[in-house]
PDB file of N, CA and C in Angstrom:
ATOM      1  N   MET A   1     -95.327  56.970 -47.382  1.00  0.00           N
ATOM      2  CA  MET A   1     -94.780  55.664 -47.052  1.00  0.00           C
ATOM      3  C   MET A   1     -94.209  55.736 -45.631  1.00  0.00           C
ATOM      4  N   ASN A   2     -94.584  54.780 -44.781  1.00  0.00           N
ATOM      5  CA  ASN A   2     -94.040  54.762 -43.431  1.00  0.00           C
ATOM      6  C   ASN A   2     -92.697  54.021 -43.404  1.00  0.00           C
ATOM      7  N   LEU A   3     -92.043  54.049 -42.245  1.00  0.00           N
ATOM      8  CA  LEU A   3     -90.709  53.472 -42.132  1.00  0.00           C
ATOM      9  C   LEU A   3     -90.702  51.964 -42.381  1.00  0.00           C
ATOM     10  N   LEU A   4     -91.723  51.270 -41.908  1.00  0.00           N
ATOM     11  CA  LEU A   4     -91.822  49.832 -42.140  1.00  0.00           C
ATOM     12  C   LEU A   4     -91.902  49.534 -43.635  1.00  0.00           C
ATOM     13  N   ALA A   5     -92.726  50.273 -44.354  1.00  0.00           N
ATOM     14  CA  ALA A   5     -92.859  50.088 -45.806  1.00  0.00           C
ATOM     15  C   ALA A   5     -91.545  50.404 -46.524  1.00  0.00           C
ATOM     16  N   GLU A   6     -90.823  51.403 -46.036  1.00  0.00           N
ATOM     17  CA  GLU A   6     -89.530  51.742 -46.644  1.00  0.00           C
ATOM     18  C   GLU A   6     -88.532  50.590 -46.478  1.00  0.00           C
ATOM     19  N   TYR A   7     -88.491  49.997 -45.294  1.00  0.00           N
ATOM     20  CA  TYR A   7     -87.596  48.863 -45.069  1.00  0.00           C
ATOM     21  C   TYR A   7     -87.972  47.682 -45.959  1.00  0.00           C
ATOM     22  N   GLU A   8     -89.258  47.426 -46.095  1.00  0.00           N
ATOM     23  CA  GLU A   8     -89.691  46.333 -46.958  1.00  0.00           C
ATOM     24  C   GLU A   8     -89.323  46.597 -48.412  1.00  0.00           C
ATOM     25  N   ALA A   9     -89.436  47.840 -48.862  1.00  0.00           N
ATOM     26  CA  ALA A   9     -89.063  48.197 -50.231  1.00  0.00           C
ATOM     27  C   ALA A   9     -87.556  48.044 -50.441  1.00  0.00           C
ATOM     28  N   GLN A  10     -86.761  48.474 -49.465  1.00  0.00           N
ATOM     29  CA  GLN A  10     -85.307  48.359 -49.578  1.00  0.00           C
ATOM     30  C   GLN A  10     -84.857  46.905 -49.657  1.00  0.00           C
ATOM     31  N   ASP A  11     -85.579  46.046 -48.988  1.00  0.00           N
ATOM     32  CA  ASP A  11     -85.217  44.637 -48.965  1.00  0.00           C
ATOM     33  C   ASP A  11     -85.234  44.024 -50.359  1.00  0.00           C
ATOM     34  N   GLN A  12     -86.002  44.590 -51.244  1.00  0.00           N
ATOM     35  CA  GLN A  12     -86.136  44.062 -52.607  1.00  0.00           C
ATOM     36  C   GLN A  12     -84.833  44.164 -53.407  1.00  0.00           C
ATOM     37  N   TRP A  13     -83.998  45.160 -53.108  1.00  0.00           N
ATOM     38  CA  TRP A  13     -82.787  45.329 -53.910  1.00  0.00           C
ATOM     39  C   TRP A  13     -81.509  44.983 -53.153  1.00  0.00           C
ATOM     40  N   ARG A  14     -81.618  44.461 -51.971  1.00  0.00           N
ATOM     41  CA  ARG A  14     -80.430  44.020 -51.226  1.00  0.00           C
ATOM     42  C   ARG A  14     -80.230  42.523 -51.456  1.00  0.00           C
ATOM     43  N   ASP A  15     -79.011  42.148 -51.730  1.00  0.00           N
ATOM     44  CA  ASP A  15     -78.712  40.742 -51.988  1.00  0.00           C
ATOM     45  C   ASP A  15     -78.173  40.088 -50.723  1.00  0.00           C
ATOM     46  N   TRP A  16     -79.059  39.942 -49.740  1.00  0.00           N
ATOM     47  CA  TRP A  16     -78.656  39.358 -48.466  1.00  0.00           C
ATOM     48  C   TRP A  16     -78.120  37.942 -48.637  1.00  0.00           C
ATOM     49  N   ASP A  17     -78.745  37.164 -49.484  1.00  0.00           N
ATOM     50  CA  ASP A  17     -78.324  35.766 -49.644  1.00  0.00           C
ATOM     51  C   ASP A  17     -76.871  35.658 -50.098  1.00  0.00           C
ATOM     52  N   ALA A  18     -76.455  36.516 -51.015  1.00  0.00           N
ATOM     53  CA  ALA A  18     -75.065  36.477 -51.485  1.00  0.00           C
ATOM     54  C   ALA A  18     -74.102  36.823 -50.347  1.00  0.00           C
ATOM     55  N   MET A  19     -74.487  37.749 -49.488  1.00  0.00           N
ATOM     56  CA  MET A  19     -73.627  38.101 -48.355  1.00  0.00           C
ATOM     57  C   MET A  19     -73.574  36.970 -47.330  1.00  0.00           C
ATOM     58  N   LEU A  20     -74.733  36.393 -47.036  1.00  0.00           N
ATOM     59  CA  LEU A  20     -74.789  35.360 -46.007  1.00  0.00           C
ATOM     60  C   LEU A  20     -74.104  34.070 -46.431  1.00  0.00           C
ATOM     61  N   GLU A  21     -74.015  33.813 -47.726  1.00  0.00           N
ATOM     62  CA  GLU A  21     -73.322  32.610 -48.214  1.00  0.00           C
ATOM     63  C   GLU A  21     -71.856  32.606 -47.809  1.00  0.00           C
ATOM     64  N   ARG A  22     -71.304  33.776 -47.561  1.00  0.00           N
ATOM     65  CA  ARG A  22     -69.890  33.895 -47.203  1.00  0.00           C
ATOM     66  C   ARG A  22     -69.623  33.699 -45.712  1.00  0.00           C
ATOM     67  N   LEU A  23     -70.690  33.634 -44.921  1.00  0.00           N
ATOM     68  CA  LEU A  23     -70.524  33.485 -43.473  1.00  0.00           C
ATOM     69  C   LEU A  23     -70.354  32.027 -43.082  1.00  0.00           C
ATOM     70  N   PRO A  24     -69.472  31.759 -42.133  1.00  0.00           N
ATOM     71  CA  PRO A  24     -69.255  30.378 -41.684  1.00  0.00           C
ATOM     72  C   PRO A  24     -70.265  29.972 -40.604  1.00  0.00           C
ATOM     73  N   ILE A  25     -71.516  29.856 -40.983  1.00  0.00           N
ATOM     74  CA  ILE A  25     -72.567  29.491 -40.036  1.00  0.00           C
ATOM     75  C   ILE A  25     -72.850  27.995 -40.166  1.00  0.00           C
ATOM     76  N   ALA A  26     -72.829  27.310 -39.029  1.00  0.00           N
ATOM     77  CA  ALA A  26     -73.157  25.882 -39.012  1.00  0.00           C
ATOM     78  C   ALA A  26     -74.572  25.691 -38.491  1.00  0.00           C
ATOM     79  N   ARG A  27     -75.197  24.623 -38.896  1.00  0.00           N
ATOM     80  CA  ARG A  27     -76.598  24.363 -38.565  1.00  0.00           C
ATOM     81  C   ARG A  27     -76.874  24.337 -37.058  1.00  0.00           C
ATOM     82  N   GLY A  28     -75.932  23.956 -36.247  1.00  0.00           N
ATOM     83  CA  GLY A  28     -76.168  23.852 -34.815  1.00  0.00           C
ATOM     84  C   GLY A  28     -75.880  25.113 -34.029  1.00  0.00           C
ATOM     85  N   GLN A  29     -75.626  26.222 -34.696  1.00  0.00           N
ATOM     86  CA  GLN A  29     -75.206  27.434 -34.010  1.00  0.00           C
ATOM     87  C   GLN A  29     -76.357  28.399 -33.727  1.00  0.00           C
ATOM     88  N   THR A  30     -76.081  29.316 -32.796  1.00  0.00           N
ATOM     89  CA  THR A  30     -76.984  30.423 -32.485  1.00  0.00           C
ATOM     90  C   THR A  30     -76.333  31.709 -32.972  1.00  0.00           C
ATOM     91  N   VAL A  31     -77.102  32.522 -33.684  1.00  0.00           N
ATOM     92  CA  VAL A  31     -76.594  33.766 -34.248  1.00  0.00           C
ATOM     93  C   VAL A  31     -77.416  34.937 -33.721  1.00  0.00           C
ATOM     94  N   LEU A  32     -76.737  35.999 -33.318  1.00  0.00           N
ATOM     95  CA  LEU A  32     -77.408  37.236 -32.923  1.00  0.00           C
ATOM     96  C   LEU A  32     -77.519  38.147 -34.128  1.00  0.00           C
ATOM     97  N   ASP A  33     -78.668  38.759 -34.303  1.00  0.00           N
ATOM     98  CA  ASP A  33     -78.892  39.742 -35.359  1.00  0.00           C
ATOM     99  C   ASP A  33     -79.187  41.068 -34.668  1.00  0.00           C
ATOM    100  N   LEU A  34     -78.135  41.879 -34.477  1.00  0.00           N
ATOM    101  CA  LEU A  34     -78.285  43.154 -33.778  1.00  0.00           C
ATOM    102  C   LEU A  34     -78.732  44.230 -34.752  1.00  0.00           C
ATOM    103  N   GLY A  35     -79.828  44.884 -34.416  1.00  0.00           N
ATOM    104  CA  GLY A  35     -80.441  45.835 -35.336  1.00  0.00           C
ATOM    105  C   GLY A  35     -81.181  45.061 -36.406  1.00  0.00           C
ATOM    106  N   CYS A  36     -81.981  44.084 -35.995  1.00  0.00           N
ATOM    107  CA  CYS A  36     -82.604  43.133 -36.926  1.00  0.00           C
ATOM    108  C   CYS A  36     -83.668  43.748 -37.825  1.00  0.00           C
ATOM    109  N   GLY A  37     -84.132  44.957 -37.508  1.00  0.00           N
ATOM    110  CA  GLY A  37     -85.140  45.588 -38.350  1.00  0.00           C
ATOM    111  C   GLY A  37     -86.375  44.722 -38.488  1.00  0.00           C
ATOM    112  N   ILE A  38     -86.814  44.524 -39.704  1.00  0.00           N
ATOM    113  CA  ILE A  38     -88.053  43.780 -39.971  1.00  0.00           C
ATOM    114  C   ILE A  38     -87.830  42.268 -40.079  1.00  0.00           C
ATOM    115  N   GLY A  39     -86.622  41.811 -39.797  1.00  0.00           N
ATOM    116  CA  GLY A  39     -86.348  40.378 -39.764  1.00  0.00           C
ATOM    117  C   GLY A  39     -85.961  39.745 -41.078  1.00  0.00           C
ATOM    118  N   SER A  40     -85.665  40.531 -42.080  1.00  0.00           N
ATOM    119  CA  SER A  40     -85.287  39.979 -43.382  1.00  0.00           C
ATOM    120  C   SER A  40     -84.068  39.078 -43.291  1.00  0.00           C
ATOM    121  N   VAL A  41     -83.038  39.561 -42.610  1.00  0.00           N
ATOM    122  CA  VAL A  41     -81.824  38.765 -42.476  1.00  0.00           C
ATOM    123  C   VAL A  41     -82.021  37.678 -41.427  1.00  0.00           C
ATOM    124  N   SER A  42     -82.753  37.971 -40.372  1.00  0.00           N
ATOM    125  CA  SER A  42     -83.025  36.960 -39.341  1.00  0.00           C
ATOM    126  C   SER A  42     -83.646  35.711 -39.963  1.00  0.00           C
ATOM    127  N   ALA A  43     -84.615  35.900 -40.834  1.00  0.00           N
ATOM    128  CA  ALA A  43     -85.281  34.767 -41.485  1.00  0.00           C
ATOM    129  C   ALA A  43     -84.294  33.967 -42.329  1.00  0.00           C
ATOM    130  N   ARG A  44     -83.390  34.652 -42.996  1.00  0.00           N
ATOM    131  CA  ARG A  44     -82.395  33.964 -43.811  1.00  0.00           C
ATOM    132  C   ARG A  44     -81.359  33.240 -42.944  1.00  0.00           C
ATOM    133  N   LEU A  45     -80.968  33.889 -41.845  1.00  0.00           N
ATOM    134  CA  LEU A  45     -80.036  33.248 -40.922  1.00  0.00           C
ATOM    135  C   LEU A  45     -80.654  32.000 -40.306  1.00  0.00           C
ATOM    136  N   ALA A  46     -81.943  32.035 -40.055  1.00  0.00           N
ATOM    137  CA  ALA A  46     -82.644  30.911 -39.433  1.00  0.00           C
ATOM    138  C   ALA A  46     -82.596  29.652 -40.286  1.00  0.00           C
ATOM    139  N   VAL A  47     -82.441  29.798 -41.585  1.00  0.00           N
ATOM    140  CA  VAL A  47     -82.313  28.646 -42.481  1.00  0.00           C
ATOM    141  C   VAL A  47     -80.951  27.986 -42.292  1.00  0.00           C
ATOM    142  N   ARG A  48     -79.952  28.784 -41.925  1.00  0.00           N
ATOM    143  CA  ARG A  48     -78.582  28.288 -41.804  1.00  0.00           C
ATOM    144  C   ARG A  48     -78.191  27.899 -40.375  1.00  0.00           C
ATOM    145  N   ALA A  49     -78.829  28.497 -39.377  1.00  0.00           N
ATOM    146  CA  ALA A  49     -78.445  28.301 -37.979  1.00  0.00           C
ATOM    147  C   ALA A  49     -79.533  27.565 -37.204  1.00  0.00           C
ATOM    148  N   LYS A  50     -79.165  27.098 -36.022  1.00  0.00           N
ATOM    149  CA  LYS A  50     -80.140  26.434 -35.162  1.00  0.00           C
ATOM    150  C   LYS A  50     -81.113  27.446 -34.571  1.00  0.00           C
ATOM    151  N   ASN A  51     -80.579  28.574 -34.091  1.00  0.00           N
ATOM    152  CA  ASN A  51     -81.388  29.628 -33.483  1.00  0.00           C
ATOM    153  C   ASN A  51     -80.884  30.995 -33.902  1.00  0.00           C
ATOM    154  N   VAL A  52     -81.802  31.940 -33.974  1.00  0.00           N
ATOM    155  CA  VAL A  52     -81.470  33.337 -34.254  1.00  0.00           C
ATOM    156  C   VAL A  52     -82.158  34.184 -33.200  1.00  0.00           C
ATOM    157  N   VAL A  53     -81.401  35.123 -32.640  1.00  0.00           N
ATOM    158  CA  VAL A  53     -81.959  36.079 -31.697  1.00  0.00           C
ATOM    159  C   VAL A  53     -81.785  37.466 -32.306  1.00  0.00           C
ATOM    160  N   GLY A  54     -82.893  38.109 -32.632  1.00  0.00           N
ATOM    161  CA  GLY A  54     -82.868  39.444 -33.217  1.00  0.00           C
ATOM    162  C   GLY A  54     -83.191  40.488 -32.173  1.00  0.00           C
ATOM    163  N   VAL A  55     -82.480  41.608 -32.247  1.00  0.00           N
ATOM    164  CA  VAL A  55     -82.700  42.716 -31.318  1.00  0.00           C
ATOM    165  C   VAL A  55     -82.877  43.992 -32.122  1.00  0.00           C
ATOM    166  N   ASP A  56     -83.924  44.749 -31.806  1.00  0.00           N
ATOM    167  CA  ASP A  56     -84.140  46.042 -32.443  1.00  0.00           C
ATOM    168  C   ASP A  56     -84.909  46.942 -31.482  1.00  0.00           C
ATOM    169  N   TYR A  57     -84.736  48.231 -31.638  1.00  0.00           N
ATOM    170  CA  TYR A  57     -85.397  49.214 -30.772  1.00  0.00           C
ATOM    171  C   TYR A  57     -86.843  49.462 -31.180  1.00  0.00           C
ATOM    172  N   ASN A  58     -87.137  49.300 -32.454  1.00  0.00           N
ATOM    173  CA  ASN A  58     -88.435  49.647 -33.016  1.00  0.00           C
ATOM    174  C   ASN A  58     -89.447  48.507 -32.812  1.00  0.00           C
ATOM    175  N   ALA A  59     -90.476  48.760 -32.019  1.00  0.00           N
ATOM    176  CA  ALA A  59     -91.484  47.725 -31.708  1.00  0.00           C
ATOM    177  C   ALA A  59     -92.225  47.260 -32.956  1.00  0.00           C
ATOM    178  N   GLU A  60     -92.509  48.165 -33.886  1.00  0.00           N
ATOM    179  CA  GLU A  60     -93.201  47.793 -35.126  1.00  0.00           C
ATOM    180  C   GLU A  60     -92.338  46.835 -35.947  1.00  0.00           C
ATOM    181  N   PHE A  61     -91.037  47.081 -35.974  1.00  0.00           N
ATOM    182  CA  PHE A  61     -90.121  46.194 -36.692  1.00  0.00           C
ATOM    183  C   PHE A  61     -90.070  44.818 -36.033  1.00  0.00           C
ATOM    184  N   ILE A  62     -90.029  44.786 -34.708  1.00  0.00           N
ATOM    185  CA  ILE A  62     -90.000  43.509 -33.991  1.00  0.00           C
ATOM    186  C   ILE A  62     -91.258  42.702 -34.315  1.00  0.00           C
ATOM    187  N   ASP A  63     -92.421  43.353 -34.339  1.00  0.00           N
ATOM    188  CA  ASP A  63     -93.666  42.662 -34.693  1.00  0.00           C
ATOM    189  C   ASP A  63     -93.587  42.081 -36.104  1.00  0.00           C
ATOM    190  N   ALA A  64     -93.062  42.874 -37.049  1.00  0.00           N
ATOM    191  CA  ALA A  64     -92.924  42.406 -38.430  1.00  0.00           C
ATOM    192  C   ALA A  64     -91.950  41.231 -38.507  1.00  0.00           C
ATOM    193  N   ALA A  65     -90.860  41.315 -37.752  1.00  0.00           N
ATOM    194  CA  ALA A  65     -89.864  40.239 -37.754  1.00  0.00           C
ATOM    195  C   ALA A  65     -90.463  38.942 -37.211  1.00  0.00           C
ATOM    196  N   ARG A  66     -91.255  39.044 -36.167  1.00  0.00           N
ATOM    197  CA  ARG A  66     -91.880  37.845 -35.584  1.00  0.00           C
ATOM    198  C   ARG A  66     -92.816  37.169 -36.585  1.00  0.00           C
ATOM    199  N   GLN A  67     -93.487  37.952 -37.397  1.00  0.00           N
ATOM    200  CA  GLN A  67     -94.398  37.390 -38.397  1.00  0.00           C
ATOM    201  C   GLN A  67     -93.633  36.747 -39.550  1.00  0.00           C
ATOM    202  N   ARG A  68     -92.467  37.262 -39.842  1.00  0.00           N
ATOM    203  CA  ARG A  68     -91.692  36.834 -40.998  1.00  0.00           C
ATOM    204  C   ARG A  68     -90.841  35.595 -40.734  1.00  0.00           C
ATOM    205  N   CYS A  69     -90.438  35.394 -39.496  1.00  0.00           N
ATOM    206  CA  CYS A  69     -89.421  34.401 -39.189  1.00  0.00           C
ATOM    207  C   CYS A  69     -89.999  33.098 -38.669  1.00  0.00           C
ATOM    208  N   PRO A  70     -89.258  32.016 -38.886  1.00  0.00           N
ATOM    209  CA  PRO A  70     -89.695  30.699 -38.406  1.00  0.00           C
ATOM    210  C   PRO A  70     -89.573  30.588 -36.889  1.00  0.00           C
ATOM    211  N   LYS A  71     -89.940  29.427 -36.393  1.00  0.00           N
ATOM    212  CA  LYS A  71     -89.978  29.197 -34.948  1.00  0.00           C
ATOM    213  C   LYS A  71     -88.614  29.254 -34.274  1.00  0.00           C
ATOM    214  N   ASN A  72     -87.546  29.062 -34.994  1.00  0.00           N
ATOM    215  CA  ASN A  72     -86.232  29.079 -34.354  1.00  0.00           C
ATOM    216  C   ASN A  72     -85.651  30.489 -34.221  1.00  0.00           C
ATOM    217  N   CYS A  73     -86.525  31.502 -34.322  1.00  0.00           N
ATOM    218  CA  CYS A  73     -86.135  32.896 -34.114  1.00  0.00           C
ATOM    219  C   CYS A  73     -86.807  33.427 -32.854  1.00  0.00           C
ATOM    220  N   ALA A  74     -86.073  34.238 -32.124  1.00  0.00           N
ATOM    221  CA  ALA A  74     -86.618  34.950 -30.970  1.00  0.00           C
ATOM    222  C   ALA A  74     -86.236  36.410 -31.125  1.00  0.00           C
ATOM    223  N   PHE A  75     -87.086  37.292 -30.655  1.00  0.00           N
ATOM    224  CA  PHE A  75     -86.831  38.719 -30.826  1.00  0.00           C
ATOM    225  C   PHE A  75     -86.983  39.468 -29.517  1.00  0.00           C
ATOM    226  N   LEU A  76     -86.160  40.483 -29.364  1.00  0.00           N
ATOM    227  CA  LEU A  76     -86.132  41.300 -28.169  1.00  0.00           C
ATOM    228  C   LEU A  76     -86.151  42.761 -28.586  1.00  0.00           C
ATOM    229  N   GLN A  77     -87.096  43.511 -28.049  1.00  0.00           N
ATOM    230  CA  GLN A  77     -87.117  44.947 -28.294  1.00  0.00           C
ATOM    231  C   GLN A  77     -86.223  45.602 -27.261  1.00  0.00           C
ATOM    232  N   SER A  78     -85.146  46.227 -27.718  1.00  0.00           N
ATOM    233  CA  SER A  78     -84.202  46.850 -26.808  1.00  0.00           C
ATOM    234  C   SER A  78     -83.336  47.851 -27.549  1.00  0.00           C
ATOM    235  N   ASP A  79     -82.878  48.834 -26.828  1.00  0.00           N
ATOM    236  CA  ASP A  79     -81.906  49.795 -27.336  1.00  0.00           C
ATOM    237  C   ASP A  79     -80.531  49.124 -27.253  1.00  0.00           C
ATOM    238  N   LEU A  80     -79.832  49.016 -28.348  1.00  0.00           N
ATOM    239  CA  LEU A  80     -78.534  48.349 -28.343  1.00  0.00           C
ATOM    240  C   LEU A  80     -77.522  49.080 -27.460  1.00  0.00           C
ATOM    241  N   GLY A  81     -77.709  50.373 -27.300  1.00  0.00           N
ATOM    242  CA  GLY A  81     -76.795  51.152 -26.470  1.00  0.00           C
ATOM    243  C   GLY A  81     -76.893  50.833 -24.994  1.00  0.00           C
ATOM    244  N   THR A  82     -78.021  50.284 -24.580  1.00  0.00           N
ATOM    245  CA  THR A  82     -78.213  49.955 -23.160  1.00  0.00           C
ATOM    246  C   THR A  82     -78.544  48.482 -22.960  1.00  0.00           C
ATOM    247  N   LEU A  83     -78.360  47.696 -23.974  1.00  0.00           N
ATOM    248  CA  LEU A  83     -78.699  46.274 -23.922  1.00  0.00           C
ATOM    249  C   LEU A  83     -77.863  45.555 -22.873  1.00  0.00           C
ATOM    250  N   ASP A  84     -78.517  44.800 -22.015  1.00  0.00           N
ATOM    251  CA  ASP A  84     -77.840  43.983 -21.018  1.00  0.00           C
ATOM    252  C   ASP A  84     -77.556  42.624 -21.655  1.00  0.00           C
ATOM    253  N   ALA A  85     -76.300  42.328 -21.882  1.00  0.00           N
ATOM    254  CA  ALA A  85     -75.921  41.090 -22.562  1.00  0.00           C
ATOM    255  C   ALA A  85     -76.371  39.851 -21.799  1.00  0.00           C
ATOM    256  N   LYS A  86     -76.696  39.988 -20.530  1.00  0.00           N
ATOM    257  CA  LYS A  86     -77.134  38.843 -19.731  1.00  0.00           C
ATOM    258  C   LYS A  86     -78.494  38.316 -20.182  1.00  0.00           C
ATOM    259  N   VAL A  87     -79.271  39.135 -20.869  1.00  0.00           N
ATOM    260  CA  VAL A  87     -80.603  38.689 -21.295  1.00  0.00           C
ATOM    261  C   VAL A  87     -80.565  37.955 -22.625  1.00  0.00           C
ATOM    262  N   ILE A  88     -79.400  37.891 -23.243  1.00  0.00           N
ATOM    263  CA  ILE A  88     -79.253  37.230 -24.533  1.00  0.00           C
ATOM    264  C   ILE A  88     -78.489  35.923 -24.328  1.00  0.00           C
ATOM    265  N   PRO A  89     -78.989  34.831 -24.889  1.00  0.00           N
ATOM    266  CA  PRO A  89     -78.271  33.566 -24.737  1.00  0.00           C
ATOM    267  C   PRO A  89     -76.918  33.618 -25.441  1.00  0.00           C
ATOM    268  N   GLY A  90     -76.038  32.717 -25.042  1.00  0.00           N
ATOM    269  CA  GLY A  90     -74.736  32.645 -25.698  1.00  0.00           C
ATOM    270  C   GLY A  90     -74.891  32.471 -27.195  1.00  0.00           C
ATOM    271  N   ALA A  91     -73.997  33.057 -27.948  1.00  0.00           N
ATOM    272  CA  ALA A  91     -74.095  32.996 -29.403  1.00  0.00           C
ATOM    273  C   ALA A  91     -72.769  32.563 -30.002  1.00  0.00           C
ATOM    274  N   ASP A  92     -72.885  31.945 -31.160  1.00  0.00           N
ATOM    275  CA  ASP A  92     -71.709  31.512 -31.904  1.00  0.00           C
ATOM    276  C   ASP A  92     -71.310  32.516 -32.969  1.00  0.00           C
ATOM    277  N   GLY A  93     -72.249  33.406 -33.321  1.00  0.00           N
ATOM    278  CA  GLY A  93     -71.976  34.384 -34.365  1.00  0.00           C
ATOM    279  C   GLY A  93     -72.827  35.619 -34.189  1.00  0.00           C
ATOM    280  N   LEU A  94     -72.452  36.648 -34.922  1.00  0.00           N
ATOM    281  CA  LEU A  94     -73.110  37.946 -34.820  1.00  0.00           C
ATOM    282  C   LEU A  94     -73.275  38.550 -36.205  1.00  0.00           C
ATOM    283  N   TRP A  95     -74.490  39.022 -36.494  1.00  0.00           N
ATOM    284  CA  TRP A  95     -74.749  39.783 -37.708  1.00  0.00           C
ATOM    285  C   TRP A  95     -75.196  41.169 -37.271  1.00  0.00           C
ATOM    286  N   CYS A  96     -74.592  42.179 -37.849  1.00  0.00           N
ATOM    287  CA  CYS A  96     -74.930  43.559 -37.532  1.00  0.00           C
ATOM    288  C   CYS A  96     -74.629  44.387 -38.774  1.00  0.00           C
ATOM    289  N   SER A  97     -75.626  44.590 -39.628  1.00  0.00           N
ATOM    290  CA  SER A  97     -75.347  45.230 -40.904  1.00  0.00           C
ATOM    291  C   SER A  97     -75.299  46.750 -40.836  1.00  0.00           C
ATOM    292  N   PHE A  98     -76.291  47.387 -40.259  1.00  0.00           N
ATOM    293  CA  PHE A  98     -76.331  48.847 -40.273  1.00  0.00           C
ATOM    294  C   PHE A  98     -76.342  49.472 -38.889  1.00  0.00           C
ATOM    295  N   ALA A  99     -76.569  48.685 -37.865  1.00  0.00           N
ATOM    296  CA  ALA A  99     -76.717  49.231 -36.515  1.00  0.00           C
ATOM    297  C   ALA A  99     -75.474  49.970 -36.040  1.00  0.00           C
ATOM    298  N   ALA A 100     -74.305  49.559 -36.473  1.00  0.00           N
ATOM    299  CA  ALA A 100     -73.073  50.224 -36.033  1.00  0.00           C
ATOM    300  C   ALA A 100     -73.057  51.699 -36.425  1.00  0.00           C
ATOM    301  N   ALA A 101     -73.764  52.072 -37.448  1.00  0.00           N
ATOM    302  CA  ALA A 101     -73.812  53.470 -37.878  1.00  0.00           C
ATOM    303  C   ALA A 101     -74.468  54.370 -36.838  1.00  0.00           C
ATOM    304  N   TYR A 102     -75.217  53.797 -35.913  1.00  0.00           N
ATOM    305  CA  TYR A 102     -75.894  54.570 -34.892  1.00  0.00           C
ATOM    306  C   TYR A 102     -75.025  54.777 -33.654  1.00  0.00           C
ATOM    307  N   PHE A 103     -73.811  54.261 -33.675  1.00  0.00           N
ATOM    308  CA  PHE A 103     -72.883  54.394 -32.547  1.00  0.00           C
ATOM    309  C   PHE A 103     -71.607  55.100 -33.004  1.00  0.00           C
ATOM    310  N   PRO A 104     -71.660  56.415 -33.219  1.00  0.00           N
ATOM    311  CA  PRO A 104     -70.494  57.112 -33.766  1.00  0.00           C
ATOM    312  C   PRO A 104     -69.342  57.274 -32.764  1.00  0.00           C
ATOM    313  N   ASP A 105     -69.603  57.124 -31.476  1.00  0.00           N
ATOM    314  CA  ASP A 105     -68.556  57.298 -30.488  1.00  0.00           C
ATOM    315  C   ASP A 105     -67.964  55.938 -30.131  1.00  0.00           C
ATOM    316  N   PHE A 106     -66.782  55.671 -30.658  1.00  0.00           N
ATOM    317  CA  PHE A 106     -66.126  54.389 -30.402  1.00  0.00           C
ATOM    318  C   PHE A 106     -64.975  54.529 -29.418  1.00  0.00           C
ATOM    319  N   SER A 107     -65.002  55.596 -28.618  1.00  0.00           N
ATOM    320  CA  SER A 107     -63.934  55.772 -27.631  1.00  0.00           C
ATOM    321  C   SER A 107     -64.034  54.697 -26.557  1.00  0.00           C
ATOM    322  N   PRO A 108     -62.900  54.292 -25.979  1.00  0.00           N
ATOM    323  CA  PRO A 108     -62.940  53.253 -24.946  1.00  0.00           C
ATOM    324  C   PRO A 108     -63.638  53.760 -23.691  1.00  0.00           C
ATOM    325  N   TYR A 109     -64.241  52.854 -22.981  1.00  0.00           N
ATOM    326  CA  TYR A 109     -64.954  53.207 -21.738  1.00  0.00           C
ATOM    327  C   TYR A 109     -63.993  53.331 -20.595  1.00  0.00           C
TER     328      TYR A 109
END
């Protein structure tokens, strides 16, 4: 099983909808999905928000996310550690479920 297939399998037992119901997302807002993976959450956020911008390092995941998500989603392949915030439009909210685990050094700059 490749990594893409593993992510798709994991999606079957995660209750994203129950988590997202608790978020204060309004229909006219833009939400960033950092570490968007295969776009499972991006697609769900797109139902609640005006626009979703997903960012992930894995090109295969970005391709899968683009196929999965509606037109109000945009995706950027980038390393979150070196991401230039200027390339991302202003956002009203942020979703980041597992990406923070890849940044163990939280010391101030």
